Amino acid sequence: MANHFEDFKVKMQGAGLSEAAIAAFKKNYDQLVAGVTGMVPEDEINSATGLPSLLDLPSVSPSEAKTLLSQTAVLKLNGGLGTSMGLEKAKSLLVVKDGKTFLDLIAEQVKHMRKSYGSDVIFTLMNSFSTSDDTKAFLREKHPDLMEEPFIELMQNMSPKVDAATNKPASYPPHPDMEWCPPGHGDIYPSLLGSGMLDSLIGKGIKYLFVSNSDNLGATLDLDLLSYFATSNKAFLMEVCERTAADKKGGHLCLRRSDGRLMLRESAMCPDADKKAFEDIAKHKYFNTNNLWVSLEHLKATLDASGGALGLPLIKNKKTVNPRDSKSEPVFQLETAMGSAIECFDSAGAIVVPRSRFAPVKTCSDLFVLRSDAYIIAEDATVAVAPALLAAGGGVPLVKLDDAHYKLVDQLEALAPDVPSLIAAKSVTVKGPVKFTKGVVLTGDVTLEAEGSSPALLAAGEYSGSVKVTPESATAGFATTAGGTKTAGGASPQAPPVAADQGCWHFLACK
């Protein structure tokens, strides 16, 4: 297939994109034209072993913390819209708990750390063309002080879509904006370089960059991790968690035999013959949390040595030029992932962290639990497991809501304007349109099933076991037992338990 890069270069220059963005696109486009498959067979890798653990790190002193924070910037990826949850604005603007959005909590965490240590750690949001305006409008209203800061926004680049039939730039005259797409969060590196922010940060004495997703409330700026990274002299550090059976289909960390570098292998990179080894969580134990630590000086040197663009593996997504019209022309959207940069550095490393540092909100089931009393907002604006839950030795309950009725945020808020108490729950499964009223308490293992297709109101009361929710539930609740199926309705509800002590607990209280 012919290489039409010059056509893309002209288009990108016309849109005002930086040379770094164009160089990064060329790396991706060249892989597409060359037919690079990106396959990584099992016989080309070794397991990643002998990794250090956050739980074994020494605690940093307040004086050391102040010095390190003055050399650190925090960057949150904020380019996503949360379309899978039915959102049309930046996902970080979703209210997650006690009237606060993701962005409120992130901003308050930064401000609390600045006040506590007397050090103005730099805060940056990497916005996309889809999230920039909404995010800045929100900050101007709720956190105007942050909007005055020079590094508050890093704009993600745009990537031209590729006509799948010709490998030329896609054209769509009815809506020319649809000729462009996001380039994935691997774009953080050309965005930092092309915007001049990388040089500006280094010029201000900033050495370390902590990067994470804005919807991962577990990804706080951990000072012990910062100290470890600063003294390690590593160029790049990835936080990883141990895989469980539920994670076996996802990617894993491994060691490339050819050069001894760490790398990520995703499922699409694994030949069919090696799927069994790919899913062996005893052999390949770790997955990427997307919490990353980057040495800005090492990044600058590596970019300079590689012509201004890192050689990240290509992610090729086949779509239609108009995503809402399946009959429009097929295109390729070329993307990269920021975690894959681990293979671009000789001195990259990984560290095992507790699962509590990987707490993304990807579904309405996640949001349902977060809004419940199973979590609190601590004094430092971190989200923490409720003290009563920790004291009881229990874990956060597993919740599965019916996607037919709770998949989108507006559906969740219509059916669960008041989220039930989950402090005493172990698991919750909801089938059908159960509508929760104030004062519902769920205990143990609970399955709630609505009878009929219309919303069935669950009255205030305590529930456990299997519960059929009928229209009569609107007037009376039922406290069920663990054995057998009961119908909610016709019995007096039990009084809900006394609220747990809402003391201040950090998300890493179990550390």
Protein backbone atom coordinates (compact mmCIF):
# COMPACT_ATOMS: atom_id res chain seq x y z
CA MET A 1 0.00 0.00 0.00
CA ALA A 2 1.33 3.44 -0.97
CA ASN A 3 2.55 5.84 1.68
CA HIS A 4 0.65 9.13 1.64
CA PHE A 5 2.24 10.71 4.70
CA GLU A 6 2.95 14.01 2.94
CA ASP A 7 -0.81 14.52 2.48
CA PHE A 8 -1.31 14.03 6.20
CA LYS A 9 1.56 16.37 7.02
CA VAL A 10 0.00 19.15 4.96
CA LYS A 11 -3.38 18.59 6.62
CA MET A 12 -1.89 18.60 10.13
CA GLN A 13 0.19 21.71 9.45
CA GLY A 14 -2.94 23.43 8.15
CA ALA A 15 -4.69 22.62 11.43
CA GLY A 16 -1.83 24.20 13.39
CA LEU A 17 -0.51 20.98 14.94
CA SER A 18 3.05 20.94 16.26
CA GLU A 19 6.02 19.22 14.67
CA ALA A 20 6.04 16.83 17.64
CA ALA A 21 2.42 15.83 16.93
CA ILE A 22 3.23 15.31 13.25
CA ALA A 23 6.32 13.23 14.09
CA ALA A 24 4.28 11.04 16.45
CA PHE A 25 1.60 10.51 13.81
CA LYS A 26 4.28 9.56 11.26
CA LYS A 27 5.54 6.82 13.61
CA ASN A 28 2.01 5.42 13.79
CA TYR A 29 1.25 5.81 10.09
CA ASP A 30 4.49 4.14 9.05
CA GLN A 31 3.56 1.12 11.18
CA LEU A 32 0.13 1.00 9.52
CA VAL A 33 1.54 1.12 5.98
CA ALA A 34 4.22 -1.45 6.81
CA GLY A 35 1.57 -3.84 8.06
CA VAL A 36 3.18 -4.15 11.49
CA THR A 37 1.09 -6.64 13.45
CA GLY A 38 2.58 -5.94 16.86
CA MET A 39 2.30 -9.62 17.77
CA VAL A 40 4.45 -10.71 20.72
CA PRO A 41 4.75 -14.52 20.98
CA GLU A 42 5.32 -16.16 24.34
CA ASP A 43 8.81 -17.33 23.34
CA GLU A 44 9.94 -13.70 22.97
CA ILE A 45 9.20 -12.67 26.56
CA ASN A 46 9.87 -13.61 30.16
CA SER A 47 7.72 -13.04 33.21
CA ALA A 48 8.25 -9.84 35.19
CA THR A 49 9.55 -10.92 38.59
CA GLY A 50 11.27 -9.48 41.65
CA LEU A 51 9.34 -6.22 41.67
CA PRO A 52 9.45 -3.96 44.74
CA SER A 53 6.27 -3.26 46.70
CA LEU A 54 4.82 0.03 47.91
CA LEU A 55 3.97 -1.68 51.19
CA ASP A 56 7.68 -2.18 51.91
CA LEU A 57 8.78 1.40 51.29
CA PRO A 58 9.95 3.60 54.19
CA SER A 59 7.89 6.64 55.13
CA VAL A 60 9.10 9.99 53.87
CA SER A 61 9.85 12.79 56.35
CA PRO A 62 7.88 16.07 56.16
CA SER A 63 11.01 18.05 55.24
CA GLU A 64 11.88 15.64 52.44
CA ALA A 65 8.26 15.71 51.25
CA LYS A 66 8.29 19.51 50.99
CA THR A 67 11.46 19.47 48.90
CA LEU A 68 10.20 16.72 46.60
CA LEU A 69 6.83 18.38 46.06
CA SER A 70 8.56 21.55 44.89
CA GLN A 71 10.12 19.43 42.13
CA THR A 72 6.93 17.58 41.17
CA ALA A 73 3.99 18.09 38.83
CA VAL A 74 0.71 16.16 38.92
CA LEU A 75 -1.03 15.56 35.60
CA LYS A 76 -4.51 14.10 35.28
CA LEU A 77 -5.75 12.71 31.97
CA ASN A 78 -9.01 14.54 31.34
CA GLY A 79 -9.80 13.91 27.70
CA GLY A 80 -12.63 11.39 28.06
CA LEU A 81 -16.36 12.05 27.82
CA GLY A 82 -17.60 8.94 29.57
CA THR A 83 -19.81 8.08 26.60
CA SER A 84 -20.17 4.47 27.78
CA MET A 85 -22.08 5.88 30.77
CA GLY A 86 -24.17 8.20 28.61
CA LEU A 87 -22.24 11.39 29.38
CA GLU A 88 -21.75 14.25 26.93
CA LYS A 89 -19.35 16.38 28.96
CA ALA A 90 -15.97 15.67 30.49
CA LYS A 91 -16.31 12.59 32.67
CA SER A 92 -14.47 14.39 35.48
CA LEU A 93 -17.48 16.71 35.84
CA LEU A 94 -19.72 13.84 36.96
CA VAL A 95 -20.89 14.14 40.57
CA VAL A 96 -19.49 11.10 42.35
CA LYS A 97 -20.16 11.66 46.04
CA ASP A 98 -21.64 14.22 48.44
CA GLY A 99 -22.23 16.70 45.64
CA LYS A 100 -18.59 16.66 44.55
CA THR A 101 -17.30 15.81 41.09
CA PHE A 102 -14.11 13.94 40.21
CA LEU A 103 -12.56 17.31 39.44
CA ASP A 104 -13.65 18.82 42.76
CA LEU A 105 -11.97 16.01 44.66
CA ILE A 106 -8.78 16.16 42.57
CA ALA A 107 -8.54 19.94 43.00
CA GLU A 108 -9.18 19.73 46.74
CA GLN A 109 -6.52 17.01 47.12
CA VAL A 110 -3.95 19.22 45.43
CA LYS A 111 -4.90 22.24 47.54
CA HIS A 112 -4.80 20.19 50.76
CA MET A 113 -1.32 18.86 49.96
CA ARG A 114 -0.07 22.34 49.12
CA LYS A 115 -1.36 23.69 52.43
CA SER A 116 -0.16 20.74 54.50
CA TYR A 117 3.43 20.86 53.23
CA GLY A 118 3.79 24.50 52.26
CA SER A 119 4.85 23.52 48.76
CA ASP A 120 3.05 24.48 45.58
CA VAL A 121 3.07 21.22 43.64
CA ILE A 122 2.16 21.98 40.01
CA PHE A 123 -1.21 20.71 38.81
CA THR A 124 -2.11 20.08 35.16
CA LEU A 125 -5.13 18.69 33.33
CA MET A 126 -4.59 17.11 29.92
CA ASN A 127 -7.79 18.08 28.12
CA SER A 128 -9.02 17.13 24.67
CA PHE A 129 -10.87 19.26 22.14
CA SER A 130 -14.03 17.57 23.50
CA THR A 131 -13.45 18.44 27.18
CA SER A 132 -11.48 21.68 27.29
CA ASP A 133 -14.31 24.22 27.21
CA ASP A 134 -16.53 22.44 29.76
CA THR A 135 -13.62 21.81 32.10
CA LYS A 136 -12.38 25.39 32.05
CA ALA A 137 -15.90 26.74 32.56
CA PHE A 138 -16.29 24.49 35.60
CA LEU A 139 -12.94 25.57 37.05
CA ARG A 140 -13.75 29.24 36.55
CA GLU A 141 -16.94 28.74 38.56
CA LYS A 142 -15.76 26.35 41.28
CA HIS A 143 -11.96 26.70 41.46
CA PRO A 144 -11.07 30.07 39.89
CA ASP A 145 -7.68 30.11 41.63
CA LEU A 146 -6.57 27.07 39.62
CA MET A 147 -7.57 28.70 36.34
CA GLU A 148 -5.00 31.42 36.99
CA GLU A 149 -2.12 28.92 37.10
CA PRO A 150 0.15 28.80 34.03
CA PHE A 151 0.27 25.00 33.69
CA ILE A 152 -3.39 24.20 34.37
CA GLU A 153 -4.11 22.91 30.85
CA LEU A 154 -2.19 20.70 28.45
CA MET A 155 -4.16 20.25 25.24
CA GLN A 156 -4.22 16.83 23.64
CA ASN A 157 -3.47 16.83 19.92
CA MET A 158 -5.86 15.72 17.18
CA SER A 159 -5.08 12.87 14.81
CA PRO A 160 -6.37 12.68 11.22
CA LYS A 161 -8.45 9.62 10.41
CA VAL A 162 -7.08 7.35 7.69
CA ASP A 163 -9.26 6.16 4.80
CA ALA A 164 -9.19 2.38 5.22
CA ALA A 165 -9.39 1.74 1.46
CA THR A 166 -6.63 4.10 0.29
CA ASN A 167 -4.53 4.98 3.35
CA LYS A 168 -5.10 8.63 2.42
CA PRO A 169 -6.55 11.28 4.74
CA ALA A 170 -10.25 10.63 5.32
CA SER A 171 -12.64 13.20 3.89
CA TYR A 172 -16.14 13.97 5.14
CA PRO A 173 -17.40 17.33 3.76
CA PRO A 174 -20.75 17.27 5.65
CA HIS A 175 -18.85 17.44 8.97
CA PRO A 176 -15.11 18.11 8.50
CA ASP A 177 -14.55 17.84 12.26
CA MET A 178 -15.32 14.12 11.92
CA GLU A 179 -12.14 13.74 9.88
CA TRP A 180 -10.22 13.98 13.17
CA CYS A 181 -10.05 11.78 16.25
CA PRO A 182 -8.24 11.63 19.61
CA PRO A 183 -4.79 9.99 19.35
CA GLY A 184 -5.02 8.09 22.66
CA HIS A 185 -3.30 8.97 25.91
CA GLY A 186 0.08 8.07 24.44
CA ASP A 187 -0.21 11.57 22.99
CA ILE A 188 0.90 12.96 26.36
CA TYR A 189 4.53 12.83 25.22
CA PRO A 190 4.24 14.78 21.93
CA SER A 191 1.78 17.16 23.63
CA LEU A 192 4.28 17.95 26.39
CA LEU A 193 7.04 18.45 23.84
CA GLY A 194 5.11 20.29 21.12
CA SER A 195 3.35 22.68 23.49
CA GLY A 196 6.63 23.76 25.08
CA MET A 197 5.37 22.64 28.49
CA LEU A 198 8.10 20.02 28.87
CA ASP A 199 10.86 22.61 28.48
CA SER A 200 8.98 25.09 30.71
CA LEU A 201 8.59 22.58 33.52
CA ILE A 202 12.24 21.57 33.35
CA GLY A 203 13.17 25.27 33.33
CA LYS A 204 11.24 25.74 36.58
CA GLY A 205 13.17 22.93 38.25
CA ILE A 206 10.43 20.31 37.92
CA LYS A 207 11.99 16.84 37.78
CA TYR A 208 9.14 14.40 38.38
CA LEU A 209 5.72 13.99 36.77
CA PHE A 210 2.97 11.83 38.25
CA VAL A 211 0.32 10.89 35.67
CA SER A 212 -3.00 9.11 36.21
CA ASN A 213 -6.58 8.97 34.93
CA SER A 214 -9.00 11.53 36.34
CA ASP A 215 -11.62 8.82 37.01
CA ASN A 216 -9.25 6.77 39.19
CA LEU A 217 -9.90 8.10 42.68
CA GLY A 218 -7.29 5.74 44.13
CA ALA A 219 -4.50 7.45 42.19
CA THR A 220 -3.40 9.98 44.79
CA LEU A 221 0.06 11.55 44.97
CA ASP A 222 1.74 9.09 47.35
CA LEU A 223 4.77 10.70 48.99
CA ASP A 224 6.53 7.41 49.74
CA LEU A 225 6.26 6.46 46.07
CA LEU A 226 7.53 9.89 45.06
CA SER A 227 10.55 9.50 47.35
CA TYR A 228 11.26 6.03 45.98
CA PHE A 229 11.09 7.25 42.39
CA ALA A 230 13.26 10.29 43.08
CA THR A 231 16.03 8.19 44.64
CA SER A 232 15.81 5.35 42.11
CA ASN A 233 17.19 7.43 39.21
CA LYS A 234 14.73 5.65 36.94
CA ALA A 235 13.37 7.33 33.84
CA PHE A 236 9.93 5.77 34.15
CA LEU A 237 8.05 3.89 36.86
CA MET A 238 4.77 2.04 36.39
CA GLU A 239 2.43 1.14 39.25
CA VAL A 240 1.14 -2.41 38.76
CA CYS A 241 -1.34 -4.60 40.62
CA GLU A 242 -1.49 -8.36 40.88
CA ARG A 243 -3.83 -9.95 38.35
CA THR A 244 -6.79 -12.00 39.55
CA ALA A 245 -8.96 -14.41 37.60
CA ALA A 246 -11.15 -11.44 36.69
CA ASP A 247 -8.14 -9.75 35.04
CA LYS A 248 -6.83 -12.64 32.97
CA LYS A 249 -8.26 -11.35 29.68
CA GLY A 250 -6.49 -8.01 30.10
CA GLY A 251 -2.92 -7.03 29.35
CA HIS A 252 0.09 -7.83 31.48
CA LEU A 253 3.60 -6.66 32.20
CA CYS A 254 6.50 -8.76 30.89
CA LEU A 255 10.20 -8.66 30.05
CA ARG A 256 11.32 -8.62 26.41
CA ARG A 257 14.10 -11.15 25.86
CA SER A 258 15.79 -9.33 22.99
CA ASP A 259 16.85 -6.30 25.04
CA GLY A 260 15.76 -7.03 28.62
CA ARG A 261 13.31 -4.13 28.71
CA LEU A 262 9.96 -4.19 30.44
CA MET A 263 6.95 -4.01 28.12
CA LEU A 264 3.18 -4.33 28.10
CA ARG A 265 1.52 -7.11 26.13
CA GLU A 266 -2.16 -6.56 25.41
CA SER A 267 -4.56 -9.31 24.31
CA ALA A 268 -4.48 -8.10 20.69
CA MET A 269 -0.68 -8.61 20.70
CA CYS A 270 -0.90 -12.26 21.71
CA PRO A 271 -1.02 -15.02 19.05
CA ASP A 272 -3.92 -17.44 19.45
CA ALA A 273 -1.53 -20.28 20.19
CA ASP A 274 -0.28 -18.42 23.29
CA LYS A 275 -3.65 -17.43 24.79
CA LYS A 276 -3.34 -20.01 27.57
CA ALA A 277 0.00 -18.59 28.70
CA PHE A 278 -1.36 -15.03 28.34
CA GLU A 279 -4.18 -15.83 30.78
CA ASP A 280 -1.91 -17.62 33.26
CA ILE A 281 -2.01 -15.19 36.18
CA ALA A 282 0.58 -17.20 38.09
CA LYS A 283 3.08 -16.73 35.25
CA HIS A 284 2.22 -13.18 34.20
CA LYS A 285 1.25 -11.69 37.54
CA TYR A 286 0.91 -7.95 36.98
CA PHE A 287 -1.24 -5.46 35.08
CA ASN A 288 -0.75 -1.74 34.46
CA THR A 289 -2.82 0.64 36.61
CA ASN A 290 -2.00 3.60 34.33
CA ASN A 291 -0.50 5.40 37.33
CA LEU A 292 2.88 6.45 35.96
CA TRP A 293 5.92 8.36 37.22
CA VAL A 294 8.12 10.06 34.63
CA SER A 295 11.51 11.75 34.93
CA LEU A 296 11.16 14.85 32.77
CA GLU A 297 14.90 15.11 32.14
CA HIS A 298 15.05 11.48 30.97
CA LEU A 299 11.95 12.00 28.81
CA LYS A 300 13.47 15.06 27.16
CA ALA A 301 16.71 13.20 26.43
CA THR A 302 14.88 10.19 25.03
CA LEU A 303 12.67 12.34 22.79
CA ASP A 304 15.72 14.21 21.49
CA ALA A 305 17.47 10.94 20.74
CA SER A 306 14.47 9.51 18.87
CA GLY A 307 13.71 12.44 16.60
CA GLY A 308 11.04 13.98 18.81
CA ALA A 309 8.71 10.98 19.00
CA LEU A 310 8.76 7.80 21.07
CA GLY A 311 8.38 4.50 19.23
CA LEU A 312 5.12 3.43 20.84
CA PRO A 313 3.25 0.34 19.59
CA LEU A 314 0.35 1.21 17.29
CA ILE A 315 -3.27 0.67 18.30
CA LYS A 316 -5.33 0.47 15.09
CA ASN A 317 -9.07 0.96 15.52
CA LYS A 318 -11.35 0.40 12.54
CA LYS A 319 -14.40 2.69 12.62
CA THR A 320 -16.59 4.63 10.20
CA VAL A 321 -15.75 8.25 9.48
CA ASN A 322 -19.13 9.23 10.95
CA PRO A 323 -19.43 7.11 14.09
CA ARG A 324 -23.22 7.53 14.03
CA ASP A 325 -23.55 6.33 10.43
CA SER A 326 -22.51 2.72 9.90
CA LYS A 327 -22.79 3.22 6.13
CA SER A 328 -20.21 6.00 6.00
CA GLU A 329 -16.68 5.24 4.77
CA PRO A 330 -14.50 2.90 6.88
CA VAL A 331 -11.48 4.56 8.49
CA PHE A 332 -8.57 3.71 10.74
CA GLN A 333 -8.05 5.68 13.93
CA LEU A 334 -4.41 5.48 14.96
CA GLU A 335 -3.78 5.61 18.69
CA THR A 336 -1.12 4.85 21.28
CA ALA A 337 -1.19 4.15 25.03
CA MET A 338 1.03 6.08 27.42
CA GLY A 339 1.93 3.01 29.51
CA SER A 340 3.56 1.34 26.52
CA ALA A 341 6.35 3.92 26.82
CA ILE A 342 7.84 1.67 29.48
CA GLU A 343 9.65 -0.16 26.66
CA CYS A 344 11.24 3.06 25.39
CA PHE A 345 13.56 3.55 28.36
CA ASP A 346 16.57 1.53 29.48
CA SER A 347 16.04 2.56 33.10
CA ALA A 348 12.32 1.87 33.42
CA GLY A 349 10.83 0.00 36.35
CA ALA A 350 7.59 -1.15 37.94
CA ILE A 351 6.33 -1.33 41.51
CA VAL A 352 3.51 -3.40 42.99
CA VAL A 353 0.80 -1.34 44.69
CA PRO A 354 -2.38 -2.29 46.58
CA ARG A 355 -5.57 -2.64 44.58
CA SER A 356 -6.84 0.47 46.37
CA ARG A 357 -4.65 2.57 44.06
CA PHE A 358 -6.62 1.23 41.11
CA ALA A 359 -10.22 2.31 41.68
CA PRO A 360 -11.56 3.60 38.35
CA VAL A 361 -15.23 4.40 37.93
CA LYS A 362 -16.09 2.76 34.61
CA THR A 363 -19.71 1.72 35.14
CA CYS A 364 -22.81 2.82 36.98
CA SER A 365 -22.34 -0.15 39.31
CA ASP A 366 -19.01 1.42 40.35
CA LEU A 367 -20.71 4.78 40.83
CA PHE A 368 -23.53 3.20 42.86
CA VAL A 369 -21.04 1.78 45.39
CA LEU A 370 -19.02 4.98 45.52
CA ARG A 371 -22.11 7.05 46.33
CA SER A 372 -23.06 4.69 49.15
CA ASP A 373 -21.94 4.70 52.77
CA ALA A 374 -19.29 2.08 51.91
CA TYR A 375 -17.03 5.06 51.15
CA ILE A 376 -16.38 8.43 52.75
CA ILE A 377 -14.56 11.56 51.67
CA ALA A 378 -11.65 12.07 54.05
CA GLU A 379 -10.27 15.35 55.34
CA ASP A 380 -7.64 15.45 52.60
CA ALA A 381 -10.36 14.98 49.92
CA THR A 382 -9.32 11.41 49.18
CA VAL A 383 -12.01 8.78 48.87
CA ALA A 384 -11.68 6.18 51.62
CA VAL A 385 -13.34 2.94 52.60
CA ALA A 386 -15.72 3.67 55.49
CA PRO A 387 -14.17 3.08 58.94
CA ALA A 388 -17.04 0.80 59.98
CA LEU A 389 -16.38 -1.42 56.97
CA LEU A 390 -12.66 -1.64 57.74
CA ALA A 391 -13.28 -2.24 61.43
CA ALA A 392 -15.56 -5.15 60.59
CA GLY A 393 -12.85 -6.68 58.43
CA GLY A 394 -15.13 -6.76 55.40
CA GLY A 395 -14.47 -5.63 51.86
CA VAL A 396 -16.35 -3.25 49.62
CA PRO A 397 -19.42 -5.13 48.35
CA LEU A 398 -19.53 -6.41 44.79
CA VAL A 399 -22.44 -4.75 42.98
CA LYS A 400 -23.97 -5.78 39.66
CA LEU A 401 -26.77 -3.59 38.36
CA ASP A 402 -28.95 -4.59 35.42
CA ASP A 403 -27.41 -2.91 32.36
CA ALA A 404 -30.80 -2.79 30.68
CA HIS A 405 -31.94 -0.28 33.31
CA TYR A 406 -28.82 1.19 34.98
CA LYS A 407 -26.18 1.41 32.24
CA LEU A 408 -26.42 5.18 31.81
CA VAL A 409 -26.00 7.79 34.52
CA ASP A 410 -29.43 9.34 33.93
CA GLN A 411 -31.00 5.88 34.32
CA LEU A 412 -29.12 5.34 37.59
CA GLU A 413 -30.16 8.69 38.98
CA ALA A 414 -33.81 8.10 38.06
CA LEU A 415 -33.90 4.70 39.80
CA ALA A 416 -31.48 5.38 42.65
CA PRO A 417 -31.91 9.01 43.71
CA ASP A 418 -31.09 7.69 47.19
CA VAL A 419 -28.43 4.99 47.21
CA PRO A 420 -29.04 2.34 49.91
CA SER A 421 -26.76 1.61 52.84
CA LEU A 422 -24.16 -0.99 51.81
CA ILE A 423 -22.06 -1.07 54.99
CA ALA A 424 -23.34 -4.54 55.89
CA ALA A 425 -23.65 -5.87 52.33
CA LYS A 426 -21.36 -8.49 50.78
CA SER A 427 -22.81 -8.55 47.28
CA VAL A 428 -25.74 -6.88 45.55
CA THR A 429 -27.39 -7.97 42.30
CA VAL A 430 -30.26 -5.95 40.87
CA LYS A 431 -32.47 -7.39 38.12
CA GLY A 432 -35.00 -5.19 36.41
CA PRO A 433 -35.99 -1.60 37.22
CA VAL A 434 -35.89 -1.52 41.02
CA LYS A 435 -36.33 2.04 42.30
CA PHE A 436 -34.66 2.75 45.63
CA THR A 437 -36.23 5.02 48.23
CA LYS A 438 -34.51 6.68 51.16
CA GLY A 439 -33.85 4.43 54.15
CA VAL A 440 -33.09 1.16 52.33
CA VAL A 441 -30.43 -1.00 54.04
CA LEU A 442 -28.92 -4.04 52.29
CA THR A 443 -27.16 -6.74 54.30
CA GLY A 444 -25.21 -9.87 53.35
CA ASP A 445 -25.75 -11.24 49.86
CA VAL A 446 -28.74 -9.56 48.26
CA THR A 447 -30.57 -10.13 44.98
CA LEU A 448 -33.35 -7.66 44.17
CA GLU A 449 -35.64 -8.50 41.26
CA ALA A 450 -38.38 -6.24 39.96
CA GLU A 451 -41.59 -7.95 38.92
CA GLY A 452 -42.77 -6.47 35.65
CA SER A 453 -41.22 -3.95 33.29
CA SER A 454 -42.24 -0.81 35.13
CA PRO A 455 -40.13 0.61 37.99
CA ALA A 456 -40.86 -1.26 41.22
CA LEU A 457 -40.41 0.88 44.32
CA LEU A 458 -38.35 -0.60 47.15
CA ALA A 459 -39.61 0.87 50.42
CA ALA A 460 -37.43 1.86 53.37
CA GLY A 461 -36.30 -1.16 55.35
CA GLU A 462 -33.59 -3.77 55.72
CA TYR A 463 -33.23 -6.46 53.06
CA SER A 464 -31.10 -9.56 52.55
CA GLY A 465 -31.29 -12.73 50.47
CA SER A 466 -33.48 -12.91 47.37
CA VAL A 467 -36.21 -10.27 47.19
CA LYS A 468 -39.00 -9.91 44.66
CA VAL A 469 -39.90 -6.23 44.45
CA THR A 470 -43.57 -5.66 43.69
CA PRO A 471 -45.68 -2.52 43.33
CA GLU A 472 -46.85 -3.05 46.94
CA SER A 473 -43.29 -2.24 48.01
CA ALA A 474 -44.20 1.41 47.69
CA THR A 475 -46.14 1.27 50.93
CA ALA A 476 -44.27 -1.29 53.02
CA GLY A 477 -40.86 -2.90 53.24
CA PHE A 478 -39.82 -6.39 54.19
CA ALA A 479 -36.78 -7.60 56.08
CA THR A 480 -35.84 -10.91 54.51
CA THR A 481 -33.72 -13.74 55.80
CA ALA A 482 -30.71 -15.20 54.05
CA GLY A 483 -32.56 -18.36 53.07
CA GLY A 484 -35.39 -18.44 50.58
CA THR A 485 -37.05 -15.81 48.45
CA LYS A 486 -39.23 -13.16 50.01
CA THR A 487 -41.49 -10.54 48.52
CA ALA A 488 -40.96 -6.94 49.56
CA GLY A 489 -44.31 -5.63 50.67
CA GLY A 490 -46.84 -6.22 53.42
CA ALA A 491 -44.55 -6.32 56.45
CA SER A 492 -43.09 -3.65 58.68
CA PRO A 493 -39.53 -2.70 57.80
CA GLN A 494 -36.77 -3.03 60.34
CA ALA A 495 -35.20 0.17 61.55
CA PRO A 496 -31.98 0.97 59.70
CA PRO A 497 -28.78 0.67 61.72
CA VAL A 498 -27.12 3.65 63.35
CA ALA A 499 -24.77 5.45 60.97
CA ALA A 500 -21.13 4.44 61.27
CA ASP A 501 -18.51 6.74 62.71
CA GLN A 502 -17.35 8.91 59.82
CA GLY A 503 -13.75 9.35 60.91
CA CYS A 504 -10.95 10.35 58.54
CA TRP A 505 -9.43 7.38 56.76
CA HIS A 506 -7.02 7.51 53.86
CA PHE A 507 -7.59 5.31 50.83
CA LEU A 508 -4.34 3.55 51.74
CA ALA A 509 -5.23 3.04 55.38
CA CYS A 510 -4.44 -0.65 54.97
CA LYS A 511 -0.91 0.15 53.80
